[in-house]
């Protein structure tokens, strides 16, 4: 029997871009969080964290010269903050749909590059395509990333000049 006087279950508040960025910034500034990560000399490493409001989060170690390649986050929004070292992000200034295309010719002026040192970060919406690089030749970088909803897949892209092509779609078991 249902008791009409019982309190209704609390509605889950979905995390905003600000929530994701605040979480990543707080975690990146916490030495106990980043110390959980073991760095590898040549491969990216990661440790998962529980993010806010059902989001997923990761501490990621970037060896010198490592990169992600061009990708999106399968329709998830996200944020990341550099904890140590420097990361360079190459992105497109316009949002791209996460499905419905295989090849696009990009117009001049759509590329953006930013360098994110310790404590610097950014958030992005569900149609964000980018590439993240540790440009250093002699030191690791460490960052914290947070995504909502949890990543359903990653779409990887090949880029040749102004042509961006969908190269493959990776499910969670492939990372």
N, C-alpha and C. Protein backbone atom coordinates (compact mmCIF):
# COMPACT_ATOMS: atom_id res chain seq x y z
N UNK A 1 0.84 -1.18 0.00
CA UNK A 1 0.00 0.00 0.00
C UNK A 1 0.88 1.23 0.00
N UNK A 2 0.52 2.19 -0.79
CA UNK A 2 1.31 3.42 -0.93
C UNK A 2 0.86 4.43 0.13
N UNK A 3 1.80 4.97 0.85
CA UNK A 3 1.52 5.97 1.88
C UNK A 3 1.68 7.35 1.25
N UNK A 4 0.57 8.05 1.05
CA UNK A 4 0.62 9.35 0.40
C UNK A 4 1.34 10.40 1.24
N UNK A 5 1.57 10.12 2.52
CA UNK A 5 2.27 11.07 3.36
C UNK A 5 3.78 10.85 3.36
N UNK A 6 4.23 9.75 2.79
CA UNK A 6 5.68 9.49 2.73
C UNK A 6 6.32 10.49 1.77
N UNK A 7 7.53 10.94 2.10
CA UNK A 7 8.19 11.88 1.20
C UNK A 7 8.51 11.21 -0.13
N UNK A 8 8.38 11.98 -1.18
CA UNK A 8 8.72 11.48 -2.51
C UNK A 8 10.23 11.26 -2.57
N UNK A 9 10.67 10.28 -3.36
CA UNK A 9 12.12 10.09 -3.51
C UNK A 9 12.75 11.38 -4.04
N UNK A 10 13.92 11.68 -3.55
CA UNK A 10 14.62 12.90 -3.99
C UNK A 10 14.97 12.78 -5.46
N UNK A 11 14.68 13.82 -6.20
CA UNK A 11 15.05 13.84 -7.61
C UNK A 11 16.55 14.04 -7.72
N UNK A 12 17.15 13.27 -8.60
CA UNK A 12 18.60 13.39 -8.79
C UNK A 12 18.89 14.64 -9.62
N UNK A 13 19.78 15.45 -9.12
CA UNK A 13 20.17 16.65 -9.83
C UNK A 13 21.28 16.31 -10.81
N UNK A 14 21.06 16.59 -12.07
CA UNK A 14 22.07 16.31 -13.08
C UNK A 14 23.20 17.32 -12.96
N UNK A 15 24.44 16.87 -13.08
CA UNK A 15 25.56 17.81 -12.96
C UNK A 15 25.62 18.76 -14.16
N UNK A 16 25.91 20.00 -13.87
CA UNK A 16 26.08 21.02 -14.91
C UNK A 16 27.54 21.03 -15.36
N UNK A 17 27.82 21.78 -16.42
CA UNK A 17 29.21 21.94 -16.84
C UNK A 17 30.05 22.57 -15.72
N UNK A 18 29.45 23.48 -14.99
CA UNK A 18 30.16 24.09 -13.86
C UNK A 18 30.47 23.05 -12.79
N UNK A 19 29.53 22.16 -12.51
CA UNK A 19 29.78 21.08 -11.53
C UNK A 19 30.94 20.19 -11.98
N UNK A 20 30.94 19.83 -13.27
CA UNK A 20 32.00 18.96 -13.79
C UNK A 20 33.36 19.65 -13.69
N UNK A 21 33.41 20.92 -14.08
CA UNK A 21 34.67 21.66 -14.03
C UNK A 21 35.12 21.88 -12.59
N UNK A 22 34.20 22.21 -11.70
CA UNK A 22 34.57 22.39 -10.28
C UNK A 22 35.12 21.11 -9.69
N UNK A 23 34.48 19.97 -10.01
CA UNK A 23 34.98 18.69 -9.51
C UNK A 23 36.38 18.42 -10.04
N UNK A 24 36.58 18.61 -11.35
CA UNK A 24 37.90 18.36 -11.95
C UNK A 24 38.95 19.28 -11.33
N UNK A 25 38.60 20.53 -11.11
CA UNK A 25 39.55 21.49 -10.52
C UNK A 25 39.91 21.09 -9.08
N UNK A 26 38.91 20.71 -8.29
CA UNK A 26 39.16 20.31 -6.90
C UNK A 26 40.01 19.05 -6.85
N UNK A 27 39.67 18.06 -7.68
CA UNK A 27 40.44 16.80 -7.69
C UNK A 27 41.86 17.03 -8.18
N UNK A 28 42.04 17.88 -9.19
CA UNK A 28 43.38 18.15 -9.73
C UNK A 28 44.27 18.85 -8.71
N UNK A 29 43.67 19.60 -7.81
CA UNK A 29 44.44 20.32 -6.79
C UNK A 29 44.72 19.48 -5.56
N UNK A 30 44.18 18.28 -5.50
CA UNK A 30 44.33 17.42 -4.32
C UNK A 30 45.46 16.41 -4.54
N UNK A 31 46.60 16.58 -3.87
CA UNK A 31 47.72 15.65 -4.07
C UNK A 31 47.37 14.20 -3.75
N UNK A 32 46.44 13.97 -2.83
CA UNK A 32 46.05 12.60 -2.50
C UNK A 32 45.33 11.93 -3.67
N UNK A 33 44.60 12.70 -4.45
CA UNK A 33 43.90 12.16 -5.62
C UNK A 33 44.89 11.85 -6.73
N UNK A 34 45.75 12.80 -7.06
CA UNK A 34 46.68 12.57 -8.17
C UNK A 34 47.75 11.54 -7.82
N UNK A 35 48.04 11.36 -6.53
CA UNK A 35 49.03 10.36 -6.11
C UNK A 35 48.53 8.93 -6.33
N UNK A 36 47.24 8.75 -6.57
CA UNK A 36 46.69 7.41 -6.83
C UNK A 36 47.13 6.89 -8.19
N UNK A 37 47.62 7.76 -9.04
CA UNK A 37 47.98 7.41 -10.41
C UNK A 37 49.43 6.95 -10.49
N UNK A 38 49.67 5.83 -11.13
CA UNK A 38 51.01 5.36 -11.42
C UNK A 38 51.36 5.79 -12.84
N UNK A 39 52.47 6.47 -13.01
CA UNK A 39 52.88 6.94 -14.33
C UNK A 39 53.71 5.88 -15.04
N UNK A 40 53.52 5.74 -16.33
CA UNK A 40 54.28 4.82 -17.17
C UNK A 40 55.19 5.68 -18.06
N UNK A 41 56.40 5.23 -18.36
CA UNK A 41 57.31 6.06 -19.14
C UNK A 41 56.85 6.37 -20.57
N UNK A 42 56.04 5.48 -21.18
CA UNK A 42 55.67 5.70 -22.59
C UNK A 42 54.18 5.59 -22.89
N UNK A 43 53.38 5.13 -21.94
CA UNK A 43 51.94 4.94 -22.20
C UNK A 43 51.12 5.79 -21.25
N UNK A 44 49.97 6.27 -21.77
CA UNK A 44 49.04 6.97 -20.89
C UNK A 44 48.48 5.99 -19.87
N UNK A 45 48.29 6.46 -18.65
CA UNK A 45 47.70 5.65 -17.59
C UNK A 45 46.52 6.43 -17.01
N UNK A 46 45.62 5.72 -16.34
CA UNK A 46 44.47 6.39 -15.74
C UNK A 46 43.94 5.61 -14.57
N UNK A 47 43.25 6.36 -13.70
CA UNK A 47 42.57 5.82 -12.53
C UNK A 47 41.19 6.45 -12.52
N UNK A 48 40.16 5.63 -12.29
CA UNK A 48 38.80 6.19 -12.28
C UNK A 48 38.45 6.78 -10.92
N UNK A 49 37.57 7.77 -10.96
CA UNK A 49 37.05 8.42 -9.76
C UNK A 49 35.52 8.46 -9.88
N UNK A 50 34.85 8.60 -8.76
CA UNK A 50 33.41 8.84 -8.78
C UNK A 50 33.19 10.34 -8.91
N UNK A 51 32.56 10.74 -9.99
CA UNK A 51 32.30 12.15 -10.21
C UNK A 51 30.97 12.57 -9.60
N UNK A 52 30.64 13.83 -9.68
CA UNK A 52 29.40 14.33 -9.08
C UNK A 52 28.15 13.90 -9.86
N UNK A 53 27.08 13.62 -9.15
CA UNK A 53 25.78 13.38 -9.77
C UNK A 53 25.74 12.24 -10.76
N UNK A 54 26.51 11.18 -10.53
CA UNK A 54 26.50 10.04 -11.44
C UNK A 54 27.43 10.17 -12.63
N UNK A 55 28.26 11.20 -12.63
CA UNK A 55 29.24 11.35 -13.71
C UNK A 55 30.42 10.41 -13.48
N UNK A 56 31.22 10.23 -14.50
CA UNK A 56 32.45 9.46 -14.34
C UNK A 56 33.63 10.41 -14.46
N UNK A 57 34.69 10.06 -13.77
CA UNK A 57 35.87 10.92 -13.79
C UNK A 57 37.12 10.06 -13.84
N UNK A 58 38.19 10.67 -14.32
CA UNK A 58 39.46 9.96 -14.50
C UNK A 58 40.62 10.89 -14.16
N UNK A 59 41.63 10.35 -13.52
CA UNK A 59 42.93 11.01 -13.41
C UNK A 59 43.77 10.35 -14.50
N UNK A 60 44.37 11.15 -15.37
CA UNK A 60 45.10 10.62 -16.51
C UNK A 60 46.53 11.12 -16.48
N UNK A 61 47.49 10.19 -16.70
CA UNK A 61 48.90 10.52 -16.81
C UNK A 61 49.31 10.53 -18.27
N UNK A 62 50.01 11.58 -18.66
CA UNK A 62 50.40 11.80 -20.05
C UNK A 62 51.91 11.79 -20.16
N UNK A 63 52.53 10.74 -20.72
CA UNK A 63 53.97 10.77 -20.94
C UNK A 63 54.34 11.86 -21.94
N UNK A 64 55.60 12.26 -21.96
CA UNK A 64 56.02 13.28 -22.93
C UNK A 64 55.62 12.88 -24.36
N UNK A 65 55.04 13.83 -25.08
CA UNK A 65 54.67 13.62 -26.47
C UNK A 65 53.41 12.82 -26.72
N UNK A 66 52.73 12.35 -25.68
CA UNK A 66 51.52 11.54 -25.89
C UNK A 66 50.34 12.42 -26.29
N UNK A 67 49.37 11.79 -26.94
CA UNK A 67 48.19 12.52 -27.40
C UNK A 67 47.01 11.58 -27.53
N UNK A 68 45.83 12.17 -27.65
CA UNK A 68 44.60 11.38 -27.79
C UNK A 68 44.22 11.11 -29.23
N UNK A 69 44.67 11.93 -30.16
CA UNK A 69 44.11 11.92 -31.50
C UNK A 69 42.78 12.65 -31.47
N UNK A 70 42.24 12.98 -32.64
CA UNK A 70 40.97 13.70 -32.72
C UNK A 70 39.85 12.75 -32.30
N UNK A 71 38.96 13.24 -31.44
CA UNK A 71 37.86 12.42 -30.94
C UNK A 71 36.75 13.29 -30.37
N UNK A 72 35.58 12.65 -30.16
CA UNK A 72 34.52 13.27 -29.37
C UNK A 72 34.17 12.29 -28.26
N UNK A 73 33.17 12.61 -27.47
CA UNK A 73 32.85 11.83 -26.28
C UNK A 73 31.48 11.17 -26.38
N UNK A 74 31.07 10.83 -27.60
CA UNK A 74 29.86 10.06 -27.79
C UNK A 74 28.59 10.74 -27.32
N UNK A 75 28.58 12.07 -27.30
CA UNK A 75 27.40 12.80 -26.86
C UNK A 75 27.42 13.23 -25.41
N UNK A 76 28.47 12.88 -24.67
CA UNK A 76 28.60 13.32 -23.29
C UNK A 76 29.23 14.70 -23.23
N UNK A 77 28.87 15.46 -22.22
CA UNK A 77 29.53 16.73 -21.92
C UNK A 77 30.68 16.43 -20.98
N UNK A 78 31.61 17.37 -20.84
CA UNK A 78 32.73 17.08 -19.96
C UNK A 78 33.51 18.31 -19.56
N UNK A 79 34.56 18.05 -18.79
CA UNK A 79 35.48 19.08 -18.34
C UNK A 79 36.80 18.40 -18.02
N UNK A 80 37.89 19.15 -18.15
CA UNK A 80 39.17 18.64 -17.69
C UNK A 80 40.03 19.79 -17.18
N UNK A 81 40.92 19.44 -16.24
CA UNK A 81 41.82 20.40 -15.61
C UNK A 81 43.19 19.76 -15.52
N UNK A 82 44.22 20.51 -15.86
CA UNK A 82 45.59 20.03 -15.74
C UNK A 82 46.01 20.13 -14.27
N UNK A 83 46.53 19.04 -13.73
CA UNK A 83 47.02 19.01 -12.35
C UNK A 83 48.51 19.36 -12.30
N UNK A 84 49.28 18.82 -13.25
CA UNK A 84 50.72 19.12 -13.33
C UNK A 84 51.16 19.02 -14.78
N UNK A 85 52.24 19.71 -15.09
CA UNK A 85 52.71 19.77 -16.47
C UNK A 85 51.85 20.72 -17.28
N UNK A 86 51.88 20.55 -18.59
CA UNK A 86 51.07 21.37 -19.49
C UNK A 86 50.44 20.47 -20.54
N UNK A 87 49.21 20.79 -20.90
CA UNK A 87 48.54 20.11 -22.00
C UNK A 87 48.15 21.13 -23.05
N UNK A 88 48.16 20.70 -24.28
CA UNK A 88 47.70 21.54 -25.38
C UNK A 88 46.43 20.90 -25.93
N UNK A 89 45.39 21.71 -26.12
CA UNK A 89 44.15 21.21 -26.70
C UNK A 89 43.94 21.87 -28.05
N UNK A 90 43.76 21.05 -29.07
CA UNK A 90 43.35 21.52 -30.38
C UNK A 90 41.87 21.18 -30.50
N UNK A 91 41.05 22.14 -30.87
CA UNK A 91 39.61 21.89 -30.98
C UNK A 91 39.04 22.68 -32.14
N UNK A 92 37.80 22.41 -32.43
CA UNK A 92 37.08 23.12 -33.47
C UNK A 92 36.13 24.11 -32.79
N UNK A 93 36.05 25.32 -33.30
CA UNK A 93 35.25 26.36 -32.64
C UNK A 93 33.75 26.19 -32.83
N UNK A 94 33.35 25.27 -33.68
CA UNK A 94 31.92 25.05 -33.83
C UNK A 94 31.60 23.63 -33.39
N UNK A 95 30.42 23.46 -32.79
CA UNK A 95 30.05 22.11 -32.37
C UNK A 95 29.68 21.27 -33.59
N UNK A 96 30.11 20.03 -33.56
CA UNK A 96 29.77 19.10 -34.64
C UNK A 96 28.78 18.08 -34.11
N UNK A 97 27.82 17.65 -34.94
CA UNK A 97 26.91 16.60 -34.48
C UNK A 97 27.70 15.32 -34.22
N UNK A 98 27.25 14.55 -33.24
CA UNK A 98 27.98 13.33 -32.91
C UNK A 98 27.60 12.16 -33.82
N UNK A 99 26.61 12.34 -34.65
CA UNK A 99 26.26 11.27 -35.59
C UNK A 99 25.67 11.90 -36.86
N UNK A 100 25.53 11.08 -37.89
CA UNK A 100 24.91 11.55 -39.12
C UNK A 100 25.87 12.02 -40.18
N UNK A 101 27.17 11.82 -39.98
CA UNK A 101 28.14 12.21 -41.00
C UNK A 101 29.37 11.32 -40.90
N UNK A 102 30.11 11.20 -42.01
CA UNK A 102 31.34 10.41 -42.03
C UNK A 102 32.54 11.25 -42.43
N UNK A 103 32.30 12.35 -43.15
CA UNK A 103 33.40 13.19 -43.61
C UNK A 103 32.90 14.62 -43.73
N UNK A 104 33.71 15.56 -43.26
CA UNK A 104 33.38 16.97 -43.35
C UNK A 104 34.58 17.74 -43.87
N UNK A 105 34.31 18.74 -44.70
CA UNK A 105 35.36 19.68 -45.08
C UNK A 105 35.21 20.89 -44.18
N UNK A 106 36.25 21.18 -43.42
CA UNK A 106 36.21 22.27 -42.44
C UNK A 106 36.57 23.59 -43.11
N UNK A 107 35.88 24.64 -42.74
CA UNK A 107 36.16 25.97 -43.26
C UNK A 107 37.41 26.53 -42.60
N UNK A 108 38.03 27.51 -43.24
CA UNK A 108 39.17 28.20 -42.63
C UNK A 108 38.73 28.87 -41.34
N UNK A 109 39.63 28.90 -40.38
CA UNK A 109 39.38 29.62 -39.15
C UNK A 109 38.61 28.88 -38.08
N UNK A 110 38.37 27.58 -38.25
CA UNK A 110 37.61 26.84 -37.23
C UNK A 110 38.50 26.21 -36.16
N UNK A 111 39.81 26.27 -36.36
CA UNK A 111 40.72 25.64 -35.40
C UNK A 111 41.02 26.58 -34.24
N UNK A 112 41.08 25.99 -33.06
CA UNK A 112 41.45 26.73 -31.86
C UNK A 112 42.50 25.90 -31.12
N UNK A 113 43.48 26.57 -30.56
CA UNK A 113 44.48 25.89 -29.74
C UNK A 113 44.62 26.63 -28.43
N UNK A 114 44.65 25.87 -27.33
CA UNK A 114 44.90 26.47 -26.03
C UNK A 114 45.91 25.61 -25.28
N UNK A 115 46.66 26.28 -24.45
CA UNK A 115 47.60 25.59 -23.57
C UNK A 115 47.08 25.70 -22.16
N UNK A 116 47.04 24.57 -21.47
CA UNK A 116 46.48 24.51 -20.13
C UNK A 116 47.56 24.05 -19.15
N UNK A 117 48.04 24.99 -18.35
CA UNK A 117 49.02 24.68 -17.32
C UNK A 117 48.33 24.24 -16.04
N UNK A 118 49.10 24.00 -14.98
CA UNK A 118 48.53 23.53 -13.72
C UNK A 118 47.38 24.42 -13.23
N UNK A 119 46.25 23.80 -12.93
CA UNK A 119 45.08 24.51 -12.43
C UNK A 119 44.17 25.05 -13.52
N UNK A 120 44.63 25.04 -14.77
CA UNK A 120 43.81 25.55 -15.88
C UNK A 120 42.97 24.41 -16.46
N UNK A 121 41.76 24.75 -16.86
CA UNK A 121 40.90 23.72 -17.42
C UNK A 121 39.81 24.33 -18.27
N UNK A 122 38.92 23.46 -18.73
CA UNK A 122 37.81 23.91 -19.55
C UNK A 122 36.69 22.89 -19.52
N UNK A 123 35.51 23.34 -19.85
CA UNK A 123 34.37 22.44 -19.97
C UNK A 123 33.88 22.51 -21.42
N UNK A 124 33.08 21.53 -21.80
CA UNK A 124 32.59 21.47 -23.18
C UNK A 124 31.28 20.70 -23.24
N UNK A 125 30.51 20.99 -24.26
CA UNK A 125 29.23 20.35 -24.46
C UNK A 125 29.32 19.03 -25.20
N UNK A 126 28.17 18.44 -25.51
CA UNK A 126 28.14 17.08 -26.07
C UNK A 126 28.60 16.94 -27.51
N UNK A 127 28.84 18.04 -28.22
CA UNK A 127 29.24 17.95 -29.63
C UNK A 127 30.66 18.44 -29.84
N UNK A 128 31.50 18.32 -28.84
CA UNK A 128 32.86 18.86 -28.87
C UNK A 128 33.84 17.84 -29.47
N UNK A 129 34.58 18.26 -30.49
CA UNK A 129 35.62 17.43 -31.11
C UNK A 129 36.96 18.08 -30.82
N UNK A 130 37.89 17.28 -30.27
CA UNK A 130 39.19 17.85 -29.94
C UNK A 130 40.28 16.79 -29.92
N UNK A 131 41.49 17.26 -29.69
CA UNK A 131 42.67 16.43 -29.53
C UNK A 131 43.47 17.05 -28.38
N UNK A 132 43.94 16.21 -27.46
CA UNK A 132 44.72 16.70 -26.33
C UNK A 132 46.12 16.10 -26.42
N UNK A 133 47.13 16.94 -26.18
CA UNK A 133 48.53 16.55 -26.37
C UNK A 133 49.36 17.02 -25.18
N UNK A 134 50.30 16.19 -24.75
CA UNK A 134 51.35 16.65 -23.84
C UNK A 134 52.53 17.02 -24.74
N UNK A 135 52.75 18.33 -24.96
CA UNK A 135 53.81 18.74 -25.89
C UNK A 135 55.22 18.64 -25.31
N UNK A 136 55.34 18.36 -24.02
CA UNK A 136 56.66 18.31 -23.39
C UNK A 136 57.48 17.14 -23.94
N UNK A 137 58.76 17.34 -24.00
CA UNK A 137 59.66 16.27 -24.44
C UNK A 137 60.35 15.58 -23.26
N UNK A 138 60.15 16.14 -22.06
CA UNK A 138 60.92 15.62 -20.92
C UNK A 138 60.14 15.42 -19.63
N UNK A 139 58.82 15.66 -19.63
CA UNK A 139 58.09 15.45 -18.38
C UNK A 139 56.64 15.06 -18.64
N UNK A 140 56.11 14.30 -17.69
CA UNK A 140 54.71 13.91 -17.72
C UNK A 140 53.81 15.10 -17.40
N UNK A 141 52.58 14.99 -17.84
CA UNK A 141 51.50 15.87 -17.40
C UNK A 141 50.46 14.96 -16.74
N UNK A 142 49.70 15.52 -15.82
CA UNK A 142 48.61 14.80 -15.16
C UNK A 142 47.39 15.70 -15.22
N UNK A 143 46.23 15.10 -15.51
CA UNK A 143 44.99 15.88 -15.58
C UNK A 143 43.84 15.08 -15.00
N UNK A 144 42.75 15.79 -14.70
CA UNK A 144 41.52 15.16 -14.22
C UNK A 144 40.42 15.50 -15.20
N UNK A 145 39.67 14.47 -15.63
CA UNK A 145 38.59 14.60 -16.61
C UNK A 145 37.29 14.10 -15.98
N UNK A 146 36.19 14.74 -16.32
CA UNK A 146 34.89 14.37 -15.77
C UNK A 146 33.85 14.44 -16.88
N UNK A 147 32.97 13.42 -17.00
CA UNK A 147 32.01 13.33 -18.09
C UNK A 147 30.62 12.97 -17.58
N UNK A 148 29.61 13.62 -18.17
CA UNK A 148 28.23 13.26 -17.90
C UNK A 148 27.43 13.38 -19.19
N UNK A 149 26.59 12.38 -19.48
CA UNK A 149 26.53 11.11 -18.80
C UNK A 149 27.83 10.34 -18.99
N UNK A 150 28.05 9.27 -18.19
CA UNK A 150 29.26 8.48 -18.39
C UNK A 150 29.42 8.12 -19.86
N UNK A 151 30.66 8.11 -20.31
CA UNK A 151 30.95 7.93 -21.74
C UNK A 151 30.33 6.64 -22.30
N UNK A 152 29.43 6.78 -23.27
CA UNK A 152 28.87 5.59 -23.90
C UNK A 152 29.82 5.01 -24.95
N UNK A 153 30.59 5.89 -25.57
CA UNK A 153 31.53 5.51 -26.63
C UNK A 153 32.43 6.70 -26.93
N UNK A 154 33.46 6.44 -27.67
CA UNK A 154 34.32 7.50 -28.22
C UNK A 154 34.29 7.36 -29.73
N UNK A 155 34.17 8.48 -30.41
CA UNK A 155 34.31 8.48 -31.86
C UNK A 155 35.68 9.05 -32.18
N UNK A 156 36.45 8.30 -32.93
CA UNK A 156 37.80 8.70 -33.32
C UNK A 156 37.76 9.21 -34.76
N UNK A 157 38.51 10.28 -35.01
CA UNK A 157 38.53 10.91 -36.32
C UNK A 157 39.94 10.94 -36.87
N UNK A 158 40.02 10.87 -38.20
CA UNK A 158 41.28 11.09 -38.91
C UNK A 158 41.17 12.47 -39.53
N UNK A 159 42.24 13.23 -39.43
CA UNK A 159 42.22 14.57 -40.00
C UNK A 159 43.38 14.72 -40.96
N UNK A 160 43.07 15.18 -42.16
CA UNK A 160 44.07 15.49 -43.17
C UNK A 160 43.75 16.89 -43.67
N UNK A 161 44.51 17.87 -43.23
CA UNK A 161 44.24 19.25 -43.61
C UNK A 161 42.88 19.68 -43.11
N UNK A 162 42.01 20.07 -44.04
CA UNK A 162 40.67 20.54 -43.68
C UNK A 162 39.61 19.45 -43.74
N UNK A 163 40.03 18.21 -43.97
CA UNK A 163 39.06 17.11 -44.05
C UNK A 163 39.10 16.30 -42.76
N UNK A 164 37.95 16.19 -42.12
CA UNK A 164 37.80 15.40 -40.89
C UNK A 164 36.91 14.22 -41.24
N UNK A 165 37.43 13.01 -40.99
CA UNK A 165 36.68 11.79 -41.32
C UNK A 165 36.50 10.94 -40.07
N UNK A 166 35.33 10.34 -39.94
CA UNK A 166 35.09 9.38 -38.88
C UNK A 166 35.93 8.15 -39.17
N UNK A 167 36.82 7.80 -38.25
CA UNK A 167 37.71 6.66 -38.47
C UNK A 167 37.16 5.38 -37.82
N UNK A 168 36.66 5.51 -36.58
CA UNK A 168 36.09 4.34 -35.89
C UNK A 168 35.33 4.81 -34.67
N UNK A 169 34.46 3.94 -34.20
CA UNK A 169 33.70 4.17 -32.98
C UNK A 169 34.12 3.10 -32.00
N UNK A 170 34.53 3.52 -30.81
CA UNK A 170 35.00 2.58 -29.78
C UNK A 170 34.00 2.51 -28.64
N UNK A 171 33.65 1.29 -28.26
CA UNK A 171 32.82 1.07 -27.09
C UNK A 171 33.67 1.06 -25.83
N UNK A 172 33.01 1.06 -24.69
CA UNK A 172 33.70 1.14 -23.39
C UNK A 172 34.73 0.03 -23.19
N UNK A 173 34.52 -1.13 -23.76
CA UNK A 173 35.45 -2.24 -23.55
C UNK A 173 36.76 -2.07 -24.33
N UNK A 174 36.82 -1.06 -25.22
CA UNK A 174 38.01 -0.87 -26.05
C UNK A 174 38.99 0.15 -25.51
N UNK A 175 38.71 0.78 -24.36
CA UNK A 175 39.65 1.77 -23.85
C UNK A 175 40.59 1.14 -22.90
